[in-house]
Amino acid sequence: MVMVEDAEGGLAGIITDGDLRRFMEKEDSLTSATAAQMMTREPLTLPEDTMIIEAEEKMQKHRVSTLLVTNKANKVTGLVRIFD
């Protein structure tokens, strides 16, 4: 997973291996591709004070294995993986 920042340093989106696979199914080459073309905008996040059971429930509900953790200023401070 790669996090993509906007001009102000905020989270613009993420690029996962799934995003790359889907992009490559539609496009012939990555050589002229931009992050904005393939990224997932508004990725799922969790506040820092979220209980781990809530994180697990959110992952199961949305069928994802990783969630970004954000602070009160909505800055990414880490991530939680289903395997952690």
PDB file of N, CA and C in Angstrom:
ATOM      1  N   MET A   1       0.845  -1.170   0.000  1.00  0.00           N
ATOM      2  CA  MET A   1       0.000   0.000   0.000  1.00  0.00           C
ATOM      3  C   MET A   1       0.893   1.236   0.000  1.00  0.00           C
ATOM      4  N   VAL A   2       0.508   2.187  -0.844  1.00  0.00           N
ATOM      5  CA  VAL A   2       1.202   3.466  -0.916  1.00  0.00           C
ATOM      6  C   VAL A   2       0.180   4.553  -0.624  1.00  0.00           C
ATOM      7  N   MET A   3       0.528   5.463   0.278  1.00  0.00           N
ATOM      8  CA  MET A   3      -0.350   6.594   0.564  1.00  0.00           C
ATOM      9  C   MET A   3       0.012   7.746  -0.367  1.00  0.00           C
ATOM     10  N   VAL A   4      -1.001   8.413  -0.904  1.00  0.00           N
ATOM     11  CA  VAL A   4      -0.805   9.541  -1.814  1.00  0.00           C
ATOM     12  C   VAL A   4      -1.259  10.803  -1.095  1.00  0.00           C
ATOM     13  N   GLU A   5      -0.366  11.799  -1.030  1.00  0.00           N
ATOM     14  CA  GLU A   5      -0.684  13.062  -0.357  1.00  0.00           C
ATOM     15  C   GLU A   5      -1.152  14.106  -1.359  1.00  0.00           C
ATOM     16  N   ASP A   6      -1.997  15.022  -0.874  1.00  0.00           N
ATOM     17  CA  ASP A   6      -2.382  16.168  -1.689  1.00  0.00           C
ATOM     18  C   ASP A   6      -1.358  17.282  -1.487  1.00  0.00           C
ATOM     19  N   ALA A   7      -1.572  18.426  -2.119  1.00  0.00           N
ATOM     20  CA  ALA A   7      -0.618  19.539  -2.062  1.00  0.00           C
ATOM     21  C   ALA A   7      -0.414  20.076  -0.654  1.00  0.00           C
ATOM     22  N   GLU A   8      -1.403  19.904   0.218  1.00  0.00           N
ATOM     23  CA  GLU A   8      -1.305  20.396   1.597  1.00  0.00           C
ATOM     24  C   GLU A   8      -0.752  19.346   2.559  1.00  0.00           C
ATOM     25  N   GLY A   9      -0.385  18.192   2.049  1.00  0.00           N
ATOM     26  CA  GLY A   9       0.148  17.134   2.902  1.00  0.00           C
ATOM     27  C   GLY A   9      -0.912  16.234   3.502  1.00  0.00           C
ATOM     28  N   GLY A  10      -2.154  16.422   3.100  1.00  0.00           N
ATOM     29  CA  GLY A  10      -3.233  15.559   3.572  1.00  0.00           C
ATOM     30  C   GLY A  10      -3.337  14.299   2.729  1.00  0.00           C
ATOM     31  N   LEU A  11      -4.117  13.365   3.194  1.00  0.00           N
ATOM     32  CA  LEU A  11      -4.294  12.100   2.490  1.00  0.00           C
ATOM     33  C   LEU A  11      -5.227  12.286   1.299  1.00  0.00           C
ATOM     34  N   ALA A  12      -4.705  12.051   0.100  1.00  0.00           N
ATOM     35  CA  ALA A  12      -5.516  12.137  -1.116  1.00  0.00           C
ATOM     36  C   ALA A  12      -6.092  10.776  -1.483  1.00  0.00           C
ATOM     37  N   GLY A  13      -5.366   9.718  -1.136  1.00  0.00           N
ATOM     38  CA  GLY A  13      -5.818   8.371  -1.461  1.00  0.00           C
ATOM     39  C   GLY A  13      -4.730   7.359  -1.195  1.00  0.00           C
ATOM     40  N   ILE A  14      -4.990   6.127  -1.623  1.00  0.00           N
ATOM     41  CA  ILE A  14      -4.010   5.050  -1.493  1.00  0.00           C
ATOM     42  C   ILE A  14      -3.956   4.275  -2.805  1.00  0.00           C
ATOM     43  N   ILE A  15      -2.838   3.613  -3.015  1.00  0.00           N
ATOM     44  CA  ILE A  15      -2.703   2.692  -4.138  1.00  0.00           C
ATOM     45  C   ILE A  15      -2.344   1.333  -3.557  1.00  0.00           C
ATOM     46  N   THR A  16      -3.170   0.340  -3.850  1.00  0.00           N
ATOM     47  CA  THR A  16      -2.933  -1.021  -3.379  1.00  0.00           C
ATOM     48  C   THR A  16      -2.556  -1.908  -4.564  1.00  0.00           C
ATOM     49  N   ASP A  17      -2.147  -3.130  -4.266  1.00  0.00           N
ATOM     50  CA  ASP A  17      -1.853  -4.064  -5.349  1.00  0.00           C
ATOM     51  C   ASP A  17      -3.105  -4.315  -6.191  1.00  0.00           C
ATOM     52  N   GLY A  18      -4.266  -4.304  -5.557  1.00  0.00           N
ATOM     53  CA  GLY A  18      -5.520  -4.456  -6.294  1.00  0.00           C
ATOM     54  C   GLY A  18      -5.771  -3.299  -7.245  1.00  0.00           C
ATOM     55  N   ASP A  19      -5.463  -2.080  -6.797  1.00  0.00           N
ATOM     56  CA  ASP A  19      -5.603  -0.911  -7.673  1.00  0.00           C
ATOM     57  C   ASP A  19      -4.709  -1.054  -8.899  1.00  0.00           C
ATOM     58  N   LEU A  20      -3.479  -1.516  -8.681  1.00  0.00           N
ATOM     59  CA  LEU A  20      -2.546  -1.709  -9.800  1.00  0.00           C
ATOM     60  C   LEU A  20      -3.067  -2.760 -10.774  1.00  0.00           C
ATOM     61  N   ARG A  21      -3.561  -3.882 -10.246  1.00  0.00           N
ATOM     62  CA  ARG A  21      -4.083  -4.938 -11.116  1.00  0.00           C
ATOM     63  C   ARG A  21      -5.268  -4.443 -11.945  1.00  0.00           C
ATOM     64  N   ARG A  22      -6.199  -3.748 -11.293  1.00  0.00           N
ATOM     65  CA  ARG A  22      -7.372  -3.237 -12.017  1.00  0.00           C
ATOM     66  C   ARG A  22      -6.964  -2.225 -13.091  1.00  0.00           C
ATOM     67  N   PHE A  23      -6.005  -1.363 -12.761  1.00  0.00           N
ATOM     68  CA  PHE A  23      -5.537  -0.369 -13.727  1.00  0.00           C
ATOM     69  C   PHE A  23      -4.894  -1.059 -14.927  1.00  0.00           C
ATOM     70  N   MET A  24      -4.066  -2.066 -14.660  1.00  0.00           N
ATOM     71  CA  MET A  24      -3.359  -2.754 -15.737  1.00  0.00           C
ATOM     72  C   MET A  24      -4.303  -3.571 -16.621  1.00  0.00           C
ATOM     73  N   GLU A  25      -5.451  -3.973 -16.087  1.00  0.00           N
ATOM     74  CA  GLU A  25      -6.440  -4.671 -16.915  1.00  0.00           C
ATOM     75  C   GLU A  25      -7.024  -3.737 -17.975  1.00  0.00           C
ATOM     76  N   LYS A  26      -7.084  -2.441 -17.654  1.00  0.00           N
ATOM     77  CA  LYS A  26      -7.672  -1.458 -18.568  1.00  0.00           C
ATOM     78  C   LYS A  26      -6.634  -0.771 -19.448  1.00  0.00           C
ATOM     79  N   GLU A  27      -5.424  -0.647 -18.969  1.00  0.00           N
ATOM     80  CA  GLU A  27      -4.376   0.103 -19.667  1.00  0.00           C
ATOM     81  C   GLU A  27      -3.258  -0.834 -20.107  1.00  0.00           C
ATOM     82  N   ASP A  28      -2.588  -0.461 -21.178  1.00  0.00           N
ATOM     83  CA  ASP A  28      -1.491  -1.270 -21.693  1.00  0.00           C
ATOM     84  C   ASP A  28      -0.196  -1.068 -20.927  1.00  0.00           C
ATOM     85  N   SER A  29      -0.001   0.119 -20.360  1.00  0.00           N
ATOM     86  CA  SER A  29       1.293   0.442 -19.766  1.00  0.00           C
ATOM     87  C   SER A  29       1.136   1.341 -18.548  1.00  0.00           C
ATOM     88  N   LEU A  30       2.093   1.220 -17.645  1.00  0.00           N
ATOM     89  CA  LEU A  30       2.145   2.095 -16.476  1.00  0.00           C
ATOM     90  C   LEU A  30       3.079   3.279 -16.687  1.00  0.00           C
ATOM     91  N   THR A  31       3.798   3.314 -17.793  1.00  0.00           N
ATOM     92  CA  THR A  31       4.850   4.316 -17.969  1.00  0.00           C
ATOM     93  C   THR A  31       4.350   5.753 -17.958  1.00  0.00           C
ATOM     94  N   SER A  32       3.130   5.987 -18.408  1.00  0.00           N
ATOM     95  CA  SER A  32       2.618   7.360 -18.405  1.00  0.00           C
ATOM     96  C   SER A  32       1.500   7.560 -17.386  1.00  0.00           C
ATOM     97  N   ALA A  33       1.280   6.578 -16.536  1.00  0.00           N
ATOM     98  CA  ALA A  33       0.194   6.652 -15.550  1.00  0.00           C
ATOM     99  C   ALA A  33       0.573   7.549 -14.375  1.00  0.00           C
ATOM    100  N   THR A  34      -0.440   8.181 -13.802  1.00  0.00           N
ATOM    101  CA  THR A  34      -0.231   8.981 -12.593  1.00  0.00           C
ATOM    102  C   THR A  34      -0.899   8.287 -11.411  1.00  0.00           C
ATOM    103  N   ALA A  35      -0.473   8.656 -10.223  1.00  0.00           N
ATOM    104  CA  ALA A  35      -1.076   8.099  -9.013  1.00  0.00           C
ATOM    105  C   ALA A  35      -2.567   8.416  -8.967  1.00  0.00           C
ATOM    106  N   ALA A  36      -2.931   9.618  -9.372  1.00  0.00           N
ATOM    107  CA  ALA A  36      -4.335  10.034  -9.333  1.00  0.00           C
ATOM    108  C   ALA A  36      -5.220   9.162 -10.217  1.00  0.00           C
ATOM    109  N   GLN A  37      -4.665   8.621 -11.290  1.00  0.00           N
ATOM    110  CA  GLN A  37      -5.444   7.791 -12.200  1.00  0.00           C
ATOM    111  C   GLN A  37      -5.782   6.429 -11.611  1.00  0.00           C
ATOM    112  N   MET A  38      -4.958   5.929 -10.727  1.00  0.00           N
ATOM    113  CA  MET A  38      -5.178   4.569 -10.239  1.00  0.00           C
ATOM    114  C   MET A  38      -5.510   4.471  -8.758  1.00  0.00           C
ATOM    115  N   MET A  39      -5.394   5.550  -8.015  1.00  0.00           N
ATOM    116  CA  MET A  39      -5.570   5.465  -6.564  1.00  0.00           C
ATOM    117  C   MET A  39      -7.032   5.330  -6.150  1.00  0.00           C
ATOM    118  N   THR A  40      -7.215   4.787  -4.963  1.00  0.00           N
ATOM    119  CA  THR A  40      -8.515   4.763  -4.304  1.00  0.00           C
ATOM    120  C   THR A  40      -8.629   6.051  -3.516  1.00  0.00           C
ATOM    121  N   ARG A  41      -9.616   6.854  -3.852  1.00  0.00           N
ATOM    122  CA  ARG A  41      -9.838   8.113  -3.130  1.00  0.00           C
ATOM    123  C   ARG A  41     -10.662   7.827  -1.883  1.00  0.00           C
ATOM    124  N   GLU A  42     -10.463   8.622  -0.861  1.00  0.00           N
ATOM    125  CA  GLU A  42     -11.186   8.480   0.404  1.00  0.00           C
ATOM    126  C   GLU A  42     -11.102   7.054   0.961  1.00  0.00           C
ATOM    127  N   PRO A  43      -9.892   6.587   1.248  1.00  0.00           N
ATOM    128  CA  PRO A  43      -9.751   5.236   1.797  1.00  0.00           C
ATOM    129  C   PRO A  43     -10.350   5.142   3.201  1.00  0.00           C
ATOM    130  N   LEU A  44     -10.642   3.934   3.609  1.00  0.00           N
ATOM    131  CA  LEU A  44     -11.187   3.705   4.945  1.00  0.00           C
ATOM    132  C   LEU A  44     -10.139   4.028   6.001  1.00  0.00           C
ATOM    133  N   THR A  45     -10.568   4.724   7.047  1.00  0.00           N
ATOM    134  CA  THR A  45      -9.666   5.094   8.138  1.00  0.00           C
ATOM    135  C   THR A  45     -10.319   4.797   9.478  1.00  0.00           C
ATOM    136  N   LEU A  46      -9.496   4.820  10.520  1.00  0.00           N
ATOM    137  CA  LEU A  46      -9.942   4.642  11.905  1.00  0.00           C
ATOM    138  C   LEU A  46      -9.315   5.718  12.769  1.00  0.00           C
ATOM    139  N   PRO A  47     -10.056   6.279  13.716  1.00  0.00           N
ATOM    140  CA  PRO A  47      -9.429   7.170  14.697  1.00  0.00           C
ATOM    141  C   PRO A  47      -8.458   6.371  15.577  1.00  0.00           C
ATOM    142  N   GLU A  48      -7.458   7.048  16.107  1.00  0.00           N
ATOM    143  CA  GLU A  48      -6.447   6.386  16.946  1.00  0.00           C
ATOM    144  C   GLU A  48      -7.025   5.678  18.162  1.00  0.00           C
ATOM    145  N   ASP A  49      -8.137   6.156  18.685  1.00  0.00           N
ATOM    146  CA  ASP A  49      -8.690   5.576  19.909  1.00  0.00           C
ATOM    147  C   ASP A  49      -9.710   4.460  19.659  1.00  0.00           C
ATOM    148  N   THR A  50      -9.772   3.949  18.439  1.00  0.00           N
ATOM    149  CA  THR A  50     -10.703   2.873  18.103  1.00  0.00           C
ATOM    150  C   THR A  50     -10.254   1.562  18.744  1.00  0.00           C
ATOM    151  N   MET A  51     -11.205   0.845  19.315  1.00  0.00           N
ATOM    152  CA  MET A  51     -10.918  -0.475  19.884  1.00  0.00           C
ATOM    153  C   MET A  51     -10.611  -1.445  18.741  1.00  0.00           C
ATOM    154  N   ILE A  52      -9.709  -2.386  18.989  1.00  0.00           N
ATOM    155  CA  ILE A  52      -9.268  -3.303  17.941  1.00  0.00           C
ATOM    156  C   ILE A  52     -10.423  -4.158  17.416  1.00  0.00           C
ATOM    157  N   ILE A  53     -11.382  -4.492  18.269  1.00  0.00           N
ATOM    158  CA  ILE A  53     -12.531  -5.281  17.816  1.00  0.00           C
ATOM    159  C   ILE A  53     -13.352  -4.493  16.794  1.00  0.00           C
ATOM    160  N   GLU A  54     -13.441  -3.171  16.975  1.00  0.00           N
ATOM    161  CA  GLU A  54     -14.148  -2.327  16.006  1.00  0.00           C
ATOM    162  C   GLU A  54     -13.399  -2.294  14.672  1.00  0.00           C
ATOM    163  N   ALA A  55     -12.077  -2.273  14.750  1.00  0.00           N
ATOM    164  CA  ALA A  55     -11.265  -2.293  13.532  1.00  0.00           C
ATOM    165  C   ALA A  55     -11.505  -3.599  12.772  1.00  0.00           C
ATOM    166  N   GLU A  56     -11.518  -4.703  13.499  1.00  0.00           N
ATOM    167  CA  GLU A  56     -11.751  -6.006  12.871  1.00  0.00           C
ATOM    168  C   GLU A  56     -13.135  -6.056  12.213  1.00  0.00           C
ATOM    169  N   GLU A  57     -14.141  -5.542  12.903  1.00  0.00           N
ATOM    170  CA  GLU A  57     -15.502  -5.523  12.349  1.00  0.00           C
ATOM    171  C   GLU A  57     -15.570  -4.683  11.073  1.00  0.00           C
ATOM    172  N   LYS A  58     -14.886  -3.551  11.080  1.00  0.00           N
ATOM    173  CA  LYS A  58     -14.885  -2.674   9.898  1.00  0.00           C
ATOM    174  C   LYS A  58     -14.186  -3.358   8.726  1.00  0.00           C
ATOM    175  N   MET A  59     -13.077  -4.051   9.005  1.00  0.00           N
ATOM    176  CA  MET A  59     -12.371  -4.772   7.945  1.00  0.00           C
ATOM    177  C   MET A  59     -13.260  -5.853   7.337  1.00  0.00           C
ATOM    178  N   GLN A  60     -13.942  -6.600   8.200  1.00  0.00           N
ATOM    179  CA  GLN A  60     -14.822  -7.660   7.703  1.00  0.00           C
ATOM    180  C   GLN A  60     -15.982  -7.079   6.901  1.00  0.00           C
ATOM    181  N   LYS A  61     -16.579  -6.022   7.401  1.00  0.00           N
ATOM    182  CA  LYS A  61     -17.720  -5.394   6.727  1.00  0.00           C
ATOM    183  C   LYS A  61     -17.351  -4.917   5.325  1.00  0.00           C
ATOM    184  N   HIS A  62     -16.170  -4.310   5.202  1.00  0.00           N
ATOM    185  CA  HIS A  62     -15.754  -3.724   3.925  1.00  0.00           C
ATOM    186  C   HIS A  62     -14.839  -4.643   3.113  1.00  0.00           C
ATOM    187  N   ARG A  63     -14.566  -5.834   3.660  1.00  0.00           N
ATOM    188  CA  ARG A  63     -13.729  -6.828   2.980  1.00  0.00           C
ATOM    189  C   ARG A  63     -12.362  -6.276   2.594  1.00  0.00           C
ATOM    190  N   VAL A  64     -11.722  -5.657   3.575  1.00  0.00           N
ATOM    191  CA  VAL A  64     -10.360  -5.147   3.394  1.00  0.00           C
ATOM    192  C   VAL A  64      -9.468  -5.756   4.467  1.00  0.00           C
ATOM    193  N   SER A  65      -8.176  -5.744   4.239  1.00  0.00           N
ATOM    194  CA  SER A  65      -7.249  -6.319   5.212  1.00  0.00           C
ATOM    195  C   SER A  65      -6.407  -5.267   5.921  1.00  0.00           C
ATOM    196  N   THR A  66      -6.521  -4.004   5.498  1.00  0.00           N
ATOM    197  CA  THR A  66      -5.726  -2.931   6.091  1.00  0.00           C
ATOM    198  C   THR A  66      -6.571  -1.667   6.219  1.00  0.00           C
ATOM    199  N   LEU A  67      -6.421  -0.989   7.358  1.00  0.00           N
ATOM    200  CA  LEU A  67      -7.082   0.297   7.582  1.00  0.00           C
ATOM    201  C   LEU A  67      -6.044   1.307   8.042  1.00  0.00           C
ATOM    202  N   LEU A  68      -6.151   2.531   7.568  1.00  0.00           N
ATOM    203  CA  LEU A  68      -5.264   3.598   8.017  1.00  0.00           C
ATOM    204  C   LEU A  68      -5.770   4.154   9.341  1.00  0.00           C
ATOM    205  N   VAL A  69      -4.852   4.508  10.216  1.00  0.00           N
ATOM    206  CA  VAL A  69      -5.177   5.096  11.515  1.00  0.00           C
ATOM    207  C   VAL A  69      -4.874   6.587  11.437  1.00  0.00           C
ATOM    208  N   THR A  70      -5.835   7.404  11.894  1.00  0.00           N
ATOM    209  CA  THR A  70      -5.663   8.854  11.828  1.00  0.00           C
ATOM    210  C   THR A  70      -5.811   9.494  13.204  1.00  0.00           C
ATOM    211  N   ASN A  71      -5.153  10.646  13.372  1.00  0.00           N
ATOM    212  CA  ASN A  71      -5.277  11.396  14.627  1.00  0.00           C
ATOM    213  C   ASN A  71      -6.432  12.393  14.520  1.00  0.00           C
ATOM    214  N   LYS A  72      -6.585  13.223  15.558  1.00  0.00           N
ATOM    215  CA  LYS A  72      -7.702  14.182  15.586  1.00  0.00           C
ATOM    216  C   LYS A  72      -7.610  15.219  14.469  1.00  0.00           C
ATOM    217  N   ALA A  73      -6.402  15.471  13.964  1.00  0.00           N
ATOM    218  CA  ALA A  73      -6.212  16.403  12.847  1.00  0.00           C
ATOM    219  C   ALA A  73      -6.402  15.708  11.497  1.00  0.00           C
ATOM    220  N   ASN A  74      -6.831  14.447  11.549  1.00  0.00           N
ATOM    221  CA  ASN A  74      -7.068  13.629  10.363  1.00  0.00           C
ATOM    222  C   ASN A  74      -5.793  13.345   9.572  1.00  0.00           C
ATOM    223  N   LYS A  75      -4.666  13.315  10.261  1.00  0.00           N
ATOM    224  CA  LYS A  75      -3.390  12.941   9.647  1.00  0.00           C
ATOM    225  C   LYS A  75      -3.142  11.461   9.911  1.00  0.00           C
ATOM    226  N   VAL A  76      -2.611  10.769   8.936  1.00  0.00           N
ATOM    227  CA  VAL A  76      -2.331   9.343   9.086  1.00  0.00           C
ATOM    228  C   VAL A  76      -1.171   9.157  10.053  1.00  0.00           C
ATOM    229  N   THR A  77      -1.402   8.323  11.069  1.00  0.00           N
ATOM    230  CA  THR A  77      -0.366   8.048  12.068  1.00  0.00           C
ATOM    231  C   THR A  77       0.076   6.590  12.053  1.00  0.00           C
ATOM    232  N   GLY A  78      -0.615   5.771  11.289  1.00  0.00           N
ATOM    233  CA  GLY A  78      -0.254   4.360  11.220  1.00  0.00           C
ATOM    234  C   GLY A  78      -1.271   3.573  10.426  1.00  0.00           C
ATOM    235  N   LEU A  79      -1.155   2.261  10.534  1.00  0.00           N
ATOM    236  CA  LEU A  79      -2.125   1.391   9.892  1.00  0.00           C
ATOM    237  C   LEU A  79      -2.295   0.131  10.712  1.00  0.00           C
ATOM    238  N   VAL A  80      -3.434  -0.499  10.529  1.00  0.00           N
ATOM    239  CA  VAL A  80      -3.739  -1.760  11.200  1.00  0.00           C
ATOM    240  C   VAL A  80      -4.033  -2.775  10.106  1.00  0.00           C
ATOM    241  N   ARG A  81      -3.382  -3.930  10.207  1.00  0.00           N
ATOM    242  CA  ARG A  81      -3.633  -5.009   9.257  1.00  0.00           C
ATOM    243  C   ARG A  81      -4.365  -6.128   9.974  1.00  0.00           C
ATOM    244  N   ILE A  82      -5.145  -6.868   9.266  1.00  0.00           N
ATOM    245  CA  ILE A  82      -5.917  -7.947   9.869  1.00  0.00           C
ATOM    246  C   ILE A  82      -5.000  -8.986  10.509  1.00  0.00           C
ATOM    247  N   PHE A  83      -3.754  -9.047  10.084  1.00  0.00           N
ATOM    248  CA  PHE A  83      -2.805 -10.022  10.612  1.00  0.00           C
ATOM    249  C   PHE A  83      -2.076  -9.527  11.853  1.00  0.00           C
ATOM    250  N   ASP A  84      -2.271  -8.270  12.248  1.00  0.00           N
ATOM    251  CA  ASP A  84      -1.591  -7.708  13.427  1.00  0.00           C
ATOM    252  C   ASP A  84      -2.184  -8.240  14.714  1.00  0.00           C
TER     253      ASP A  84
END
